[in-house]
Structure formats: structure tokens, C-alpha cells
Amino acid sequence: MPYRLPDRPDLERLRKQAKQLRRRADIGDPEAVALLTRYDPGSGPVTLARAQRVLARAYGFAGWSRLRQHFATLAEWGREPAATADSDDPVDAFLRAACLTYTGHYEPARAPALLRGDPGLAEATAATMAVCGAAAALAELLRRDSAAVNRLTGPHRWPPLLYLCYGRLDLGDPVATLRVLLDAGADPNAGFLWGRLPSPFTALTGVLGGGERDEPVHPKAEVLATMLLDAGADPNDNQGFYNRQFRPDDSHLLPLLSHGAGQPRPSPWRERLGSAYPSPAEMVGEHLRTAAAAGFTERVRVLLAYGVDPNTQGYHPILGDQTAYEVAVRHGQAAAAALLADAGGRSARLDDVDLLLAAALGGDGAAVDGLRSHGPALVGRRPEAVRLAGELHDVGAIQRLLELGFGVDDTGPDGRTALHEAAWRGDEAACSWLLAHGADQTRRDRDFSATPADWAAHAGHAELAERLRVPN
């Protein structure tokens, strides 16, 4: 399995890694020799060029030049769309306030207040016309300046289409405004790489909304999404699928699936990103896995009806190589597991302990009795079970696990606890219960070195975050 580039990779650091690989290979380091044997077999000298080629292939690229091209793509399309900036003029400040940035929390009152103070902002530029739904004014501007339709502009260096799609003002006529832009030649696959991550935030991503902070969907999301798809937007929108995985609202699914999501098709973003971008089958497969984990049974049903494989393994490392069926079982989602089994979901990797523990998570008291005989070995077998209960079930599930010998702060390799998960959800009652049962509010996860209070703050639960914070 190829290595994974870090979220914000550094080409200079990779150059140093290649030099280190060359030196280690020269002295016969077993790991270095194994890399050479796997990715560039042969007995020739280990030159720097060869070491670079091996490293690039280990990261999933054909060679060093393709890896460098990937970095050039990240630089060209990468954006850091901050929600505010001290250097903004009034137009830029308004555009930042009017749009989702996925950087800070969206504050819906900011942009209308700026517009009330200066109504002229609505028709100041092509971008402000787009975000305000000023279709007639925008059509006139594009008649005079046709190149403005795809010109990068405003504080985020976006074309006007993206300001419309990421805007949330619900002013004017966004449907007519989108028609003006598309008729004038706007690129329906316009987008950017947020933070230089290789998952494009497209126009389609923008109208669909959602995400880790549950950003609002566009008020006309389904109509706008269908228009973009009819105009040629790629329905295999990885970030769109990711952002909509957190809530059971399935209004995004039919437009995407009916336009061919999950099926191979030409994609400008795949051409730019190559193997760094998941395949269409992996995208819908991952959406099925996350739906199985969350117990979103209607989503599972729809995806299966469109032919998504119940034994798909997706692509995201959080769920590892588990199939959608295995995910549903191990997360205690009995209804989703039944749907997947009826569609052909099978696994030779699940045993009686997995099945009993899943039943216990789902509230089956008899399953708890059946697990008691496994004793301490059970905790070592599924150390993340309490965290899963905190993420997906109620305090009753956590209580059942504690009765079996699990600890309230037990966690898996990522270091997240049940309290982290309850804080993320903003579940004050669950947080109170966990604290009363000894949960440690100073524990930090391994990915972000963040406490439960930090998780609550990141998710927008400011009052809960303050309650969970431990004074210095």
C-alpha cells in the first residue's frame, strides 16, 4: 500500500527524504533496500535520481517529475479562504462575510449588516452581483466584459460562480444568476484546493454545504446543483460527499446519483490530481461506509439501490480496510447491517465476539451477558468500543461497556475518547454523565493533540467548550 502524503506536504522535505533513502541504501539498511526492491527493482547504483523515483512511487506517483507536477497543482489551485482580513476593502470584507469559507464559523448576520450600511455593495463587482443574485446587473456587466465570467477576483481569488455557490445571503434570484453565468461560459467544474489539500472544493461542493461544522446548504441547493450537473459538473464530487456525510439529510444524493456519481467519466480535477484523487467507486463506497457507521439507513438503502457494492472498502484510513457491512456490524448499526447483508454483504473476518459486541452497542442486554465470559481479553480486542458508543449511541451503551470492564477513557489508536465525541456533538447531557463517571477532560487525541474542550470549540459549541476547559 502506498505511503500517504501529509495534509500539507513540503517538497523540500521530500527531497531530504530521498537523500536519506540513498544514504541508508548505501549502507544496506533493510527498510531502504526493501523500498528499492519493491518500487525500482534492479542492481544498479542508488543514485539520487533513483532514490527520488523510489520515494515518488512509494507515495503513489509514477515518478519524481509527476510528484513535482502534483506540488505545482497544489500551488496553482490552493487557497486559504480566511473569513476575515485586516487589509480588506469594503467589497472584499463583504464577500468574505457573505460566503462559506470552511475556515471560521459562518456568521449569517455579518454580510446583511454590511449591505445595510452600503447598499451599493450588491452591484459593485461581478462577484458581489453573483453572491447577491443580481442577475440583470450581472448580465449587463458580462455583455460589456465577457472575460469577467471566469476571471479570478475578490479576496479568495475565485471566479464569480464560486461566490454565488458559496454565498448564503438568499437575496435576489440565484437561479437566474446561475443561468446568466453558465450561459456566458462559466466553468461548472470551477473550484479550488482548500488549504492545498487534494480534495477540490467545487461549485457543486459549495451549494451542497455541510461539513464538520455543519455549514448551511444553499437555500436553492437542489435546483442549483441540478443546473450545474446538467451543465457538465462532475457528479463525482469527493468533497461534496464528505461534507454531507455528517447528517442524515439525503437531498444531495439523487441529483448526484442520477447524473452518474460512482461511474467513471472525464474530470478536470482527476486530470490535475491523478491518483491523489479517489476514484468514483471509492467516493460512493466511502459514502456508503460512513452511512453504515452512522446508521443512516435510508442513505444506505438509496446507495445500494444505485448499485454501490455492500462489500466496498472505500478509501479513507479512519475506517481502514473494513467493508461497509463490517463497519455497520462493528459500529452496532443493526438496521444498516441487515440492509447490507440483504444486498450481499458478507465477511469472514467477523466472529461471535464482534456480533455480540455490536448487539451490546445497540442495546441488547442478552448480548452483554454473552460477553461477560470473555473478560479482560474483550477490552484488548476492541479498545475503541467506548469511543464508538460515545460517538454513535447513548450513555446506556457506554454504561453496558463499563459493566463489561471497559474504562470510561478507553480509546483506540487515534486517542479519541467518548468525551471527545460527546463534546464534538455538543451533547451536554452525555458530557455531564461521562464527567460524573470519571472521564478525563484533559486527555488529548493523537491526531490534533486536542482536548474535549478543543473539540467542542472547533465544532462551534462555545459554551460547552468553556465548561469542559480546565483552568491553567
Protein backbone atom coordinates (compact mmCIF):
# COMPACT_ATOMS: atom_id res chain seq x y z
CA MET A 1 0.00 0.00 0.00
CA PRO A 2 1.49 3.42 -0.96
CA TYR A 3 2.54 5.88 1.68
CA ARG A 4 0.23 8.85 2.27
CA LEU A 5 1.46 12.39 1.79
CA PRO A 6 0.79 14.61 4.82
CA ASP A 7 -2.04 17.12 4.55
CA ARG A 8 0.30 19.99 3.70
CA PRO A 9 3.29 18.32 2.07
CA ASP A 10 6.65 20.04 1.65
CA LEU A 11 8.66 19.23 -1.49
CA GLU A 12 11.92 20.24 0.15
CA ARG A 13 11.28 17.77 2.95
CA LEU A 14 10.70 15.03 0.37
CA ARG A 15 14.00 15.92 -1.29
CA LYS A 16 15.71 15.42 2.05
CA GLN A 17 13.91 12.09 2.49
CA ALA A 18 15.24 10.97 -0.91
CA LYS A 19 18.79 11.88 0.12
CA GLN A 20 18.34 9.96 3.37
CA LEU A 21 16.98 6.98 1.44
CA ARG A 22 20.07 7.00 -0.79
CA ARG A 23 22.43 7.10 2.19
CA ARG A 24 20.54 4.35 4.01
CA ALA A 25 20.53 2.15 0.91
CA ASP A 26 24.30 2.62 0.52
CA ILE A 27 24.88 1.12 3.97
CA GLY A 28 22.42 -1.72 3.42
CA ASP A 29 19.61 -0.54 5.69
CA PRO A 30 16.95 -3.30 5.38
CA GLU A 31 13.97 -0.93 5.14
CA ALA A 32 15.66 1.15 2.43
CA VAL A 33 16.64 -1.96 0.48
CA ALA A 34 13.07 -3.24 0.72
CA LEU A 35 11.73 0.03 -0.72
CA LEU A 36 14.17 -0.18 -3.63
CA THR A 37 13.27 -3.81 -4.27
CA ARG A 38 9.56 -3.05 -4.27
CA TYR A 39 9.44 0.17 -6.26
CA ASP A 40 12.53 0.04 -8.51
CA PRO A 41 13.97 -3.48 -8.60
CA GLY A 42 17.41 -3.85 -10.11
CA SER A 43 21.06 -3.95 -9.19
CA GLY A 44 22.15 -0.55 -10.47
CA PRO A 45 23.72 2.14 -8.32
CA VAL A 46 21.50 4.03 -5.92
CA THR A 47 21.74 7.49 -7.39
CA LEU A 48 19.79 10.45 -6.06
CA ALA A 49 17.55 10.26 -9.13
CA ARG A 50 16.78 6.62 -8.37
CA ALA A 51 16.09 7.36 -4.72
CA GLN A 52 13.71 10.17 -5.75
CA ARG A 53 11.95 7.83 -8.18
CA VAL A 54 11.52 5.17 -5.49
CA LEU A 55 10.17 7.69 -3.00
CA ALA A 56 7.71 9.12 -5.53
CA ARG A 57 6.43 5.64 -6.36
CA ALA A 58 6.09 4.83 -2.67
CA TYR A 59 3.76 7.84 -2.41
CA GLY A 60 1.70 6.60 -5.35
CA PHE A 61 3.20 8.64 -8.21
CA ALA A 62 4.76 7.30 -11.40
CA GLY A 63 7.99 9.16 -10.81
CA TRP A 64 9.65 12.25 -9.36
CA SER A 65 8.52 14.54 -12.18
CA ARG A 66 4.90 13.51 -11.61
CA LEU A 67 5.31 14.20 -7.90
CA ARG A 68 6.71 17.66 -8.67
CA GLN A 69 3.79 18.28 -11.02
CA HIS A 70 1.44 17.41 -8.16
CA PHE A 71 3.08 20.07 -5.99
CA ALA A 72 2.71 22.59 -8.82
CA THR A 73 -1.01 21.75 -8.98
CA LEU A 74 -1.37 22.28 -5.24
CA ALA A 75 0.36 25.65 -5.53
CA GLU A 76 -1.74 26.81 -8.51
CA TRP A 77 -5.13 25.80 -7.16
CA GLY A 78 -4.56 26.04 -3.44
CA ARG A 79 -6.42 28.70 -1.48
CA GLU A 80 -6.59 29.76 2.18
CA PRO A 81 -10.03 31.44 2.24
CA ALA A 82 -9.90 33.29 5.55
CA ALA A 83 -13.19 34.56 6.98
CA THR A 84 -11.72 38.00 7.79
CA ALA A 85 -8.61 40.04 6.95
CA ASP A 86 -7.42 43.39 8.29
CA SER A 87 -6.39 44.58 4.82
CA ASP A 88 -9.84 44.17 3.23
CA ASP A 89 -11.55 47.00 1.42
CA PRO A 90 -15.36 47.16 1.87
CA VAL A 91 -16.06 44.91 -1.13
CA ASP A 92 -13.66 42.18 -0.02
CA ALA A 93 -14.93 42.36 3.56
CA PHE A 94 -18.49 41.93 2.28
CA LEU A 95 -17.58 38.96 0.07
CA ARG A 96 -15.81 37.20 2.92
CA ALA A 97 -18.81 37.73 5.19
CA ALA A 98 -21.29 36.56 2.56
CA CYS A 99 -19.64 33.21 1.79
CA LEU A 100 -18.78 29.96 3.49
CA THR A 101 -15.02 29.69 3.82
CA TYR A 102 -14.68 26.45 5.84
CA THR A 103 -12.02 28.31 7.81
CA GLY A 104 -14.04 30.02 10.54
CA HIS A 105 -17.61 29.69 11.69
CA TYR A 106 -20.10 31.25 9.28
CA GLU A 107 -21.78 34.26 10.87
CA PRO A 108 -25.02 34.89 8.95
CA ALA A 109 -25.61 38.39 10.36
CA ARG A 110 -22.33 39.96 9.20
CA ALA A 111 -22.93 40.38 5.48
CA PRO A 112 -26.50 41.75 5.73
CA ALA A 113 -25.27 44.33 8.23
CA LEU A 114 -22.53 45.45 5.83
CA LEU A 115 -25.05 45.61 2.99
CA ARG A 116 -27.45 47.74 5.01
CA GLY A 117 -24.60 50.15 5.67
CA ASP A 118 -23.66 50.33 1.99
CA PRO A 119 -26.39 49.04 -0.40
CA GLY A 120 -24.11 49.77 -3.36
CA LEU A 121 -22.02 46.73 -2.47
CA ALA A 122 -24.64 44.47 -4.09
CA GLU A 123 -23.67 45.62 -7.59
CA ALA A 124 -20.08 46.72 -7.02
CA THR A 125 -18.40 43.85 -8.90
CA ALA A 126 -19.23 40.66 -10.77
CA ALA A 127 -18.56 38.71 -7.58
CA THR A 128 -20.92 40.79 -5.43
CA MET A 129 -23.60 40.61 -8.12
CA ALA A 130 -23.23 36.83 -8.12
CA VAL A 131 -23.46 36.47 -4.36
CA CYS A 132 -26.45 38.85 -4.18
CA GLY A 133 -28.36 37.21 -7.02
CA ALA A 134 -28.33 40.39 -9.14
CA ALA A 135 -28.97 38.57 -12.41
CA ALA A 136 -29.85 41.54 -14.63
CA ALA A 137 -26.91 43.66 -13.49
CA LEU A 138 -24.52 40.74 -13.93
CA ALA A 139 -25.83 40.00 -17.42
CA GLU A 140 -25.19 43.62 -18.40
CA LEU A 141 -21.67 43.55 -16.93
CA LEU A 142 -20.84 40.33 -18.81
CA ARG A 143 -22.20 41.80 -22.03
CA ARG A 144 -19.60 44.56 -21.68
CA ASP A 145 -16.81 42.36 -20.28
CA SER A 146 -17.30 38.73 -21.29
CA ALA A 147 -13.96 37.62 -19.82
CA ALA A 148 -15.18 38.53 -16.33
CA VAL A 149 -17.23 35.32 -16.21
CA ASN A 150 -14.19 33.19 -15.33
CA ARG A 151 -11.80 35.86 -14.07
CA LEU A 152 -10.38 35.23 -10.60
CA THR A 153 -11.46 38.06 -8.35
CA GLY A 154 -12.21 39.12 -4.81
CA PRO A 155 -10.49 38.13 -1.58
CA HIS A 156 -10.42 34.40 -2.35
CA ARG A 157 -9.28 34.63 -6.00
CA TRP A 158 -12.43 32.83 -7.11
CA PRO A 159 -14.45 33.27 -10.31
CA PRO A 160 -17.91 34.84 -9.75
CA LEU A 161 -19.57 31.41 -9.94
CA LEU A 162 -17.93 30.29 -6.70
CA TYR A 163 -19.10 33.39 -4.84
CA LEU A 164 -22.66 32.52 -5.87
CA CYS A 165 -22.30 28.86 -4.86
CA TYR A 166 -20.60 29.51 -1.51
CA GLY A 167 -22.78 32.55 -0.73
CA ARG A 168 -25.58 32.21 1.79
CA LEU A 169 -27.42 35.55 1.61
CA ASP A 170 -30.63 34.30 -0.07
CA LEU A 171 -31.01 37.60 -1.91
CA GLY A 172 -32.22 38.34 -5.42
CA ASP A 173 -32.56 35.43 -7.83
CA PRO A 174 -29.65 32.97 -7.52
CA VAL A 175 -31.23 30.58 -10.04
CA ALA A 176 -31.44 33.24 -12.74
CA THR A 177 -27.97 34.46 -11.80
CA LEU A 178 -26.51 30.98 -12.22
CA ARG A 179 -28.21 30.73 -15.61
CA VAL A 180 -26.59 34.04 -16.63
CA LEU A 181 -23.16 32.76 -15.59
CA LEU A 182 -23.50 29.37 -17.29
CA ASP A 183 -24.86 30.90 -20.49
CA ALA A 184 -21.89 33.28 -20.51
CA GLY A 185 -19.42 30.37 -20.30
CA ALA A 186 -18.79 29.91 -16.58
CA ASP A 187 -16.94 26.67 -15.86
CA PRO A 188 -19.34 24.34 -13.98
CA ASN A 189 -16.30 22.48 -12.59
CA ALA A 190 -14.72 25.61 -11.12
CA GLY A 191 -13.15 25.05 -7.74
CA PHE A 192 -10.10 25.34 -5.54
CA LEU A 193 -7.97 23.23 -3.21
CA TRP A 194 -8.77 24.33 0.32
CA GLY A 195 -5.53 24.58 2.28
CA ARG A 196 -3.76 22.88 -0.67
CA LEU A 197 -5.45 19.58 0.22
CA PRO A 198 -6.08 17.28 -2.77
CA SER A 199 -9.87 17.26 -2.46
CA PRO A 200 -11.31 20.09 -4.57
CA PHE A 201 -13.98 22.39 -3.19
CA THR A 202 -16.01 22.85 -6.36
CA ALA A 203 -19.04 24.93 -7.25
CA LEU A 204 -21.11 21.83 -6.53
CA THR A 205 -19.43 21.42 -3.13
CA GLY A 206 -20.42 24.99 -2.34
CA VAL A 207 -24.13 24.68 -2.99
CA LEU A 208 -24.32 21.36 -1.11
CA GLY A 209 -22.86 22.83 2.10
CA GLY A 210 -22.43 20.67 5.19
CA GLY A 211 -19.08 19.69 6.64
CA GLU A 212 -17.54 19.15 10.04
CA ARG A 213 -19.17 22.33 11.39
CA ASP A 214 -22.48 21.58 9.66
CA GLU A 215 -22.36 24.65 7.43
CA PRO A 216 -25.74 25.55 5.88
CA VAL A 217 -26.71 24.28 2.46
CA HIS A 218 -27.54 26.91 -0.16
CA PRO A 219 -31.23 27.91 0.08
CA LYS A 220 -31.65 26.78 -3.56
CA ALA A 221 -29.23 23.87 -3.29
CA GLU A 222 -31.13 21.19 -5.20
CA VAL A 223 -32.03 23.46 -8.12
CA LEU A 224 -28.53 24.94 -8.38
CA ALA A 225 -26.87 21.54 -8.07
CA THR A 226 -29.04 20.13 -10.84
CA MET A 227 -28.24 23.11 -13.08
CA LEU A 228 -24.51 22.67 -12.50
CA LEU A 229 -24.73 18.94 -13.18
CA ASP A 230 -26.78 19.48 -16.35
CA ALA A 231 -24.09 21.94 -17.48
CA GLY A 232 -21.34 19.33 -17.04
CA ALA A 233 -20.25 19.47 -13.41
CA ASP A 234 -18.69 16.18 -12.35
CA PRO A 235 -21.12 14.34 -10.03
CA ASN A 236 -18.13 12.52 -8.54
CA ASP A 237 -17.56 15.35 -6.09
CA ASN A 238 -15.41 13.95 -3.33
CA GLN A 239 -15.60 16.96 -1.02
CA GLY A 240 -19.33 17.24 -1.56
CA PHE A 241 -19.79 13.63 -0.47
CA TYR A 242 -17.51 14.17 2.52
CA ASN A 243 -19.27 17.33 3.68
CA ARG A 244 -22.70 15.70 3.51
CA GLN A 245 -21.73 12.55 5.43
CA PHE A 246 -22.36 14.02 8.89
CA ARG A 247 -26.15 14.46 8.78
CA PRO A 248 -28.95 12.16 7.58
CA ASP A 249 -30.33 14.71 5.07
CA ASP A 250 -30.13 12.94 1.70
CA SER A 251 -31.25 15.78 -0.56
CA HIS A 252 -27.84 15.74 -2.25
CA LEU A 253 -27.97 12.09 -3.26
CA LEU A 254 -30.49 11.90 -6.09
CA PRO A 255 -29.04 14.80 -8.12
CA LEU A 256 -25.55 13.27 -7.86
CA LEU A 257 -26.53 9.64 -8.42
CA SER A 258 -28.95 10.38 -11.25
CA HIS A 259 -26.14 12.21 -13.07
CA GLY A 260 -23.78 9.26 -12.79
CA ALA A 261 -21.97 9.54 -9.47
CA GLY A 262 -19.89 6.43 -8.90
CA GLN A 263 -19.32 5.89 -12.62
CA PRO A 264 -16.08 6.77 -14.45
CA ARG A 265 -16.25 9.93 -16.52
CA PRO A 266 -13.91 12.72 -17.65
CA SER A 267 -12.94 15.04 -14.82
CA PRO A 268 -10.65 18.09 -14.93
CA TRP A 269 -9.85 17.58 -11.26
CA ARG A 270 -8.84 13.97 -11.82
CA GLU A 271 -6.60 15.12 -14.67
CA ARG A 272 -4.96 17.62 -12.33
CA LEU A 273 -4.66 15.38 -9.27
CA GLY A 274 -4.25 11.90 -10.75
CA SER A 275 -4.06 9.08 -8.22
CA ALA A 276 -4.23 11.56 -5.32
CA TYR A 277 -7.96 11.92 -6.07
CA PRO A 278 -10.21 8.97 -5.09
CA SER A 279 -11.90 7.03 -7.87
CA PRO A 280 -15.67 7.43 -8.42
CA ALA A 281 -16.26 3.94 -6.98
CA GLU A 282 -14.20 4.82 -3.91
CA MET A 283 -16.18 8.03 -3.37
CA VAL A 284 -19.61 6.41 -3.32
CA GLY A 285 -18.16 3.44 -1.46
CA GLU A 286 -16.83 5.71 1.26
CA HIS A 287 -20.21 7.45 1.44
CA LEU A 288 -21.79 4.04 1.99
CA ARG A 289 -19.26 3.18 4.71
CA THR A 290 -19.84 6.42 6.61
CA ALA A 291 -23.61 5.96 6.28
CA ALA A 292 -23.23 2.43 7.66
CA ALA A 293 -21.15 3.71 10.57
CA ALA A 294 -23.68 6.42 11.43
CA GLY A 295 -26.73 4.20 10.99
CA PHE A 296 -28.22 6.36 8.22
CA THR A 297 -30.38 3.54 6.92
CA GLU A 298 -32.21 5.50 4.22
CA ARG A 299 -28.89 6.59 2.74
CA VAL A 300 -27.66 3.01 2.84
CA ARG A 301 -30.85 1.92 1.07
CA VAL A 302 -30.52 4.54 -1.68
CA LEU A 303 -26.84 3.85 -2.34
CA LEU A 304 -27.46 0.12 -2.53
CA ALA A 305 -30.36 0.71 -4.93
CA TYR A 306 -27.93 2.54 -7.22
CA GLY A 307 -25.61 -0.44 -7.21
CA VAL A 308 -22.95 0.53 -4.68
CA ASP A 309 -21.18 -2.63 -3.50
CA PRO A 310 -22.05 -3.59 0.12
CA ASN A 311 -18.55 -5.05 0.41
CA THR A 312 -16.84 -1.87 -0.75
CA GLN A 313 -13.79 -0.82 1.24
CA GLY A 314 -13.83 2.90 0.40
CA TYR A 315 -10.56 4.76 0.75
CA HIS A 316 -10.37 6.77 3.98
CA PRO A 317 -7.87 5.49 6.58
CA ILE A 318 -10.19 6.23 9.52
CA LEU A 319 -12.25 3.14 8.68
CA GLY A 320 -9.25 1.16 7.45
CA ASP A 321 -9.96 -1.72 5.10
CA GLN A 322 -13.34 -2.60 6.62
CA THR A 323 -16.17 -3.21 4.19
CA ALA A 324 -19.41 -1.27 4.54
CA TYR A 325 -21.02 -4.39 6.01
CA GLU A 326 -18.23 -4.84 8.56
CA VAL A 327 -18.44 -1.17 9.50
CA ALA A 328 -22.17 -1.43 10.17
CA VAL A 329 -21.74 -4.53 12.33
CA ARG A 330 -18.78 -3.24 14.34
CA HIS A 331 -20.49 0.10 14.94
CA GLY A 332 -23.60 -1.56 16.32
CA GLN A 333 -25.86 -0.39 13.48
CA ALA A 334 -28.14 -3.41 13.22
CA ALA A 335 -30.64 -1.98 10.71
CA ALA A 336 -27.91 -0.83 8.34
CA ALA A 337 -26.12 -4.16 8.70
CA ALA A 338 -29.32 -6.01 7.80
CA LEU A 339 -29.77 -3.93 4.64
CA LEU A 340 -26.17 -4.56 3.63
CA ALA A 341 -26.47 -8.29 4.35
CA ASP A 342 -29.62 -8.50 2.22
CA ALA A 343 -27.66 -6.86 -0.62
CA GLY A 344 -24.86 -9.40 -0.35
CA GLY A 345 -22.71 -8.04 2.45
CA ARG A 346 -20.56 -10.80 3.91
CA SER A 347 -17.41 -11.09 5.99
CA ALA A 348 -15.22 -13.94 7.12
CA ARG A 349 -13.45 -11.53 9.46
CA LEU A 350 -16.37 -11.12 11.86
CA ASP A 351 -16.75 -13.61 14.70
CA ASP A 352 -19.12 -14.16 17.61
CA VAL A 353 -17.39 -11.52 19.73
CA ASP A 354 -17.88 -8.89 17.01
CA LEU A 355 -21.54 -9.80 16.70
CA LEU A 356 -22.18 -9.82 20.44
CA LEU A 357 -20.39 -6.52 20.97
CA ALA A 358 -22.37 -4.96 18.14
CA ALA A 359 -25.57 -6.13 19.77
CA ALA A 360 -24.44 -4.72 23.12
CA LEU A 361 -23.78 -1.34 21.49
CA GLY A 362 -27.27 -1.48 20.04
CA GLY A 363 -28.90 -2.11 23.42
CA ASP A 364 -29.18 -5.89 23.61
CA GLY A 365 -28.86 -6.85 27.28
CA ALA A 366 -28.62 -10.55 26.47
CA ALA A 367 -25.55 -9.82 24.36
CA VAL A 368 -23.92 -8.18 27.38
CA ASP A 369 -24.45 -11.39 29.34
CA GLY A 370 -22.93 -13.37 26.50
CA LEU A 371 -19.81 -11.21 26.53
CA ARG A 372 -19.05 -11.46 30.24
CA SER A 373 -17.20 -14.73 29.84
CA HIS A 374 -14.63 -13.09 27.56
CA GLY A 375 -13.31 -10.99 30.45
CA PRO A 376 -10.28 -8.68 30.07
CA ALA A 377 -9.49 -10.01 26.59
CA LEU A 378 -12.57 -8.21 25.30
CA VAL A 379 -11.16 -4.79 26.18
CA GLY A 380 -7.92 -5.53 24.36
CA ARG A 381 -9.85 -6.80 21.37
CA ARG A 382 -11.91 -3.63 20.85
CA PRO A 383 -10.31 -0.79 22.83
CA GLU A 384 -12.20 1.82 20.79
CA ALA A 385 -15.64 0.45 21.69
CA VAL A 386 -16.37 3.08 24.37
CA ARG A 387 -15.41 5.87 21.98
CA LEU A 388 -17.75 4.42 19.35
CA ALA A 389 -20.53 4.28 21.91
CA GLY A 390 -19.90 7.93 22.72
CA GLU A 391 -19.92 8.86 19.04
CA LEU A 392 -22.88 6.88 17.78
CA HIS A 393 -25.03 5.65 20.64
CA ASP A 394 -26.33 6.80 24.02
CA VAL A 395 -24.93 6.73 27.54
CA GLY A 396 -26.74 3.43 28.04
CA ALA A 397 -24.36 1.82 25.54
CA ILE A 398 -21.39 3.28 27.42
CA GLN A 399 -22.79 2.01 30.71
CA ARG A 400 -23.14 -1.51 29.29
CA LEU A 401 -19.49 -1.44 28.19
CA LEU A 402 -18.31 -0.20 31.59
CA GLU A 403 -20.12 -3.16 33.15
CA LEU A 404 -18.04 -5.42 30.91
CA GLY A 405 -14.76 -3.98 32.19
CA PHE A 406 -14.11 -1.18 29.71
CA GLY A 407 -12.81 2.12 31.07
CA VAL A 408 -14.58 5.42 30.53
CA ASP A 409 -11.46 6.86 28.84
CA ASP A 410 -10.59 3.77 26.78
CA THR A 411 -9.61 4.68 23.26
CA GLY A 412 -8.17 3.32 20.05
CA PRO A 413 -5.02 4.31 18.14
CA ASP A 414 -6.29 7.85 17.46
CA GLY A 415 -6.53 8.73 21.15
CA ARG A 416 -10.10 10.00 20.95
CA THR A 417 -12.31 9.26 23.95
CA ALA A 418 -16.07 9.13 24.40
CA LEU A 419 -15.84 12.60 25.94
CA HIS A 420 -14.16 13.93 22.79
CA GLU A 421 -17.05 12.55 20.73
CA ALA A 422 -19.78 13.86 23.02
CA ALA A 423 -18.09 17.28 23.03
CA TRP A 424 -17.91 17.26 19.24
CA ARG A 425 -21.65 16.55 19.03
CA GLY A 426 -22.45 19.23 21.58
CA ASP A 427 -24.19 16.64 23.75
CA GLU A 428 -24.17 18.34 27.15
CA ALA A 429 -26.08 15.54 28.88
CA ALA A 430 -23.61 12.89 27.70
CA CYS A 431 -20.67 15.10 28.70
CA SER A 432 -22.15 15.51 32.19
CA TRP A 433 -22.68 11.76 32.52
CA LEU A 434 -19.14 10.98 31.38
CA LEU A 435 -17.60 13.53 33.75
CA ALA A 436 -19.67 12.12 36.61
CA HIS A 437 -18.27 8.69 35.80
CA GLY A 438 -14.67 9.86 35.87
CA ALA A 439 -13.92 10.91 32.29
CA ASP A 440 -10.66 12.85 31.98
CA GLN A 441 -11.28 16.23 30.36
CA THR A 442 -7.53 16.85 29.96
CA ARG A 443 -6.97 13.89 27.62
CA ARG A 444 -5.63 14.83 24.18
CA ASP A 445 -6.19 12.93 20.97
CA ARG A 446 -3.16 11.86 18.95
CA ASP A 447 -4.06 13.46 15.61
CA PHE A 448 -4.51 17.04 16.81
CA SER A 449 -3.30 16.97 20.43
CA ALA A 450 -6.70 18.43 21.31
CA THR A 451 -8.75 18.13 24.49
CA PRO A 452 -12.53 17.55 24.54
CA ALA A 453 -12.89 21.30 25.11
CA ASP A 454 -10.92 21.95 21.92
CA TRP A 455 -13.18 19.58 20.01
CA ALA A 456 -16.28 21.33 21.31
CA ALA A 457 -14.85 24.71 20.31
CA HIS A 458 -13.93 23.51 16.82
CA ALA A 459 -17.47 22.24 16.32
CA GLY A 460 -18.93 25.60 17.37
CA HIS A 461 -20.17 24.65 20.85
CA ALA A 462 -18.60 27.61 22.65
CA GLU A 463 -20.47 27.32 25.95
CA LEU A 464 -19.79 23.60 26.26
CA ALA A 465 -16.14 24.18 25.38
CA GLU A 466 -15.83 26.70 28.18
CA ARG A 467 -17.44 24.28 30.60
CA LEU A 468 -15.04 21.49 29.62
CA ARG A 469 -11.93 23.65 29.67
CA VAL A 470 -9.56 23.06 32.57
CA PRO A 471 -8.07 26.27 34.04
CA ASN A 472 -4.30 26.59 33.70
